């Protein structure tokens, strides 16, 4: 840096001194150089300086200029990019000023023509420098980088013409704003609608990230916050749903009359009602006392003990007789061949001496079938068989059923005697059952009613490594139970080696390891696959072809990725640590081009060709992420000359949505000389076992369901599997070539495909006994270094799913704090960065409060108590209860049962259009997936009575098994509600209003709320918007996705999931009145007739009288429902007859005549005058006139406006050959309004004179309008 200064510093210590700072040459040490000129400048009383920096120069230089030419710097004509070193210079200048303690100086940082105080850098100066009386001015100029060197002959131009870089100045200002935000304790975020902030958002976002803050761009609004921000903010959305609501005046008057009649009768009968309530309470108390007395019945313990001893002796004799029989000895020999038998005595001793024990054993070692049986046999042999009661939980219902069948067969007893099972909808157990296999949910249900598990001696929890939500919840409850039940023994069984985690959770419980069968399985990772096959990866041959229907998915792979995702970030970190030195250059080049985002259809094709041409015979199992990938890959393989040849390859697919008959094909043996290739979902999803698989191709990805608590949205996004899941791929190779009879395939409607029957168990065990196994091959399509970076185990379900049902069950245990209870979990939900508390738990509690299951103190309400009895999601349980209360029980029962299982509507890949058309026929233009489900089930029942149910399902693409599951669930739910007293025995009474479709829609809305989406019609399309996600899309299999327009303003939906965008499914159209009466709580807005819902996300604007009617009707309806929930014996249809009639009248008569508007809330209420005489809540008379004419079947009116000499306007409206002229007005809009008012006056036989001036209500439609309607109807009849 070169400084030109020919004057003595001391001689100019008290006079103004001017510097122009510019770069002379680059300097590798800018900070040290700058400090050399900062000190002499700051020691002067007065100074001025400017800064000019050319391109690519990273240091500053100083050159003195004459005083008379100070500040005269010409902007270079090629200036383009912003300068940053000026900020560095000024920052050092200010820092040095502080160090020199210049308390008597002030420094104005001026940019161009801006005032000193408005300059961002000025605000960073110390207050002592800003407020001093002494005048010292430092002029800072932040120029652009120059493309050419700065020349001395350009000094003569005006400095003020130099334009400052707006981006740099704006970012500097945001730096100050964000600094102030960090220092403020009250402020949490900065919201800006400035256009320049949107322009510079990328720089602002990077700045906020460096400062530890969060930023987001919501449409035209920039937000920086201390806490994480969601993807959508309804409070910043100028186009959130705002509804102008209109209903026919005659309907409003009928509803108001019925409501008033109810209120009058209620006031007259209030005294009688109070007396009846007192009588009911007294009766309930007496009943409760009677129940308490019946529970205290005394039983002679000594007599019971003698009975149990006799039973124990009988059980021992029966067990010995079976073991000495030929069949028993043969079965015992088989059981001795299992690895678990070698550890029998050690296991029994460990269980006897420890309250908790953790056992881990590989698949096939016999832990599930043998360990509970060992304990039962030991207790029976010691004479305590009748005193022993064992419960063994399974994560899936099919496992509980098949294991119980196997154990009962090994004991030589029929199922339901000593050994039984209990799952949802099914069960086989008796009074002599001492070993019960059940699902985790069944045991949890028992714990809710019997917290001490009285009578249970042993609890086995199997497959705890799967970390399901019920299993984690069960462990919390059992851990709390153990101190109260010292005699209870708890055995935890896992198939993986993570026993240490569970041992530590139970205070260092002892662990036990059972060795399993080991089979040689050879694993090949991507680098090995490339060497074996000789395939070369390029940037183009990795693009997956999804066909024309999913062309956007193919195109998306070509687009550059803006940000890292979970898949790419893990790969980049793993590959950066690996060199692949031992592999060929061809393989290394391919790995460098590897695109981890793609599945790799072409690579899978190359691997399959290699197996078919060069490897030994055997089936191939290919694990994919989902049905779309499976179907697209299948289409590609069918076009291949080798893989698509049916004489050489049998190509099959396996997915949970397929029909049962199609799923069974994968277990059948292929014809000779034909290799079977199966495309299936990930092992962690399907848990399938195919006996002839020799080769496995693993893409390493799975669509895992997670929960985004910040956005309150479930997500189904592709992610890397865990190391445990990758190992599961090898297990499928261990179970091939099993001899014996072919096992029967069984399907579980709720969890997928699990073909592990008794015969399959036998094949597994005989296989280990034989020991003759040829090595298997597993091709992992990802490098080994990436595999080593996988998480060891899958994330527990407790941390990746909504907790609504779980929190409700926790409250039913009479726990004070849900958060404290969940903090005792094996892996508890953790608070997010910047968020106080657990977001997942807070969302669940907020949801339960919104639906009325919890009060403000987080205690269970009457509705919450009923919901805790139902084994369904709380929203479905509420729908079921409301269906019983409003006497439309049967259709609602079908809907709830259908939403609790898999979708019965099948969607074959090659017959999508036919399947969609069949489903639309069931909808019958009701714009409801739920009503389509009801009609499909009713048709199936009719066909079943006629004996043609199979043909009915085949013709309409329905799953007969799912419909049978719906039928069983209907019975279970009906029994529970009858037991609770909410459903009468008289079926005709509880279904008295089932024919009222509008009332059924209302009940659906009451259950699915707050799952609502607004339906806004555009010119050629529709848009849907929700409170949590903003813009959403409809699933393609929804009946509403097939319509161009939906005549309802709202859709209520049962489920949403984020894939690439957020999709909603199972939707039903509802009217404004249904949403207002059966949706969430309402509050008054600022204006008269303004109602708010969902904390102001939804706005309704209407006539003030109508708003009061809605509020009063909803209030009384909620009181009546609460009365029913408090006392199920109350007949609200009798006591609230007129109120129920008013509700039915309103929900049935609302024709959705309103419209969506935007920005209405910000408008000021309009003063009432003669110009809105014929309007309601400011509705334009022009709109009212057009509506009336269009309903009558006529063309819309035409307006002509004339500009008068008085500078006023007069309008004329014409329709049906008639013309109406309005009064002169000050603008065209008011003139047309007045003309419309005149036309309305003629249509309704009213005028300004025969209506009171204070009467602001719309007139009735009478003679002239009726004449027009009559003519239209007559013409229609003629055409007919």
Foldseek 3Di string as FASTA:
>chain_A
DDEDDPDDLVVQQEPEFEKEKEDDAADPDAVVVLVVPLVSVLSHQAYEYEYDYAPPRQHMGIYGDDPVLGLQAAADPAFDAWDDVLVVSVVVNQVVCVVVVPLQAAEFEDEQPDGSVPQLVNVVHDPSRHPHPRDYYYYYYTAGHHPDDDDPVRRHHHNNVGHGDPLVRVLSNLLVVVVVQVVDPPDFKDKDLDQVCVVNVVVSQVSLVVVQWHWDCAPRMIMIGNDYAANHALVPDLFFFEWAADFDPVLLVLLVVLLVVLVVVCVVCVVVVVVVVVVVVVVVVVVVVVVVVVVPDDDDPVVVVVVLLVVLLVLLVLQVVQCPDPVLVVLVVLVCLALVVVCLVVLVVLQVVDQEEEEAEAPLNCCLQPNVVSVLNVCSNVSNNSLAAEEEADQDAVVQVQSQCQNCVSSVHDEAACTWEDEPLDIRHDPRHRYYYYHLVVVLVVCLVVVQPPSHQEYEYEACQQQAPSSLLSVLSVLVNCVVCVRHHYYYYHHDDPRVLVCVLNPNHYYHYGYHFDAFAAEAEQLRLCVLLVDAAALPQLQADLDDVVVVSSVVSVDDDDDDDQQVVLQVVLVVPDDPPVGDPRSVNRVVRDDLVGLRLPSVVSSVVCCLPPNDAFEEEEADADDSVLVSSVVVLCPDPQSVDQVAEDEAEDDQLDAPVRNVVQQDDDDPNHYYYYYYHQCSQAVEAHATHQEYEYSQKYQDWFADLSLRFIAREIHGAALVSVVVSVVSNLRYPFDDDRADWDADQARHTYRCHSRSSVSSSVSSVVPDHDYGYYYYHHDPSSNVSGHHGDDRNQRGDACQLVLLSVLSSVDQDPQVSQVSGSDGQDDDRPDPGHSSVVVNLVVCVFLPQADPSRHGALLSVQQNLDPAGSLLSQLQLVLLLLLQNVLSLLLSLCVRGDNFQRADPVCNVQLLVLLLVLCVLQQFSSSSSSSLLVVLVVCVVVVNNVVSCVNNRGHPVSSVSSVSSSVVVVVSCVVVLSHDPDSCRSNVCSVLVLVSVLSNQLRQPPQKWFWADDPFATWTQHNSAGTEEEDPSRSNVPDRDRQAGMKRFRHWYQYPGIYTYRIGGFHPLSCLQRYGDWDDAPDQQWIADPVRSYIYHWFNVSSVSSVSLSVVVVVLVSVCSVPVVDNCCVSVVSSSVSSSSVSNSRSRPMHTDGPPSVDDQDDDAPLLQQHGSPDQLLVVQQVLQVVLVFDRKDKDWDQDPVCWIKMWIDGPRDIFIFDTHNDDSSNVSRSSVRVLCVQQVHDPVPDDRPRRYHGDGDDNSVVSSVVSVVVVVVVD
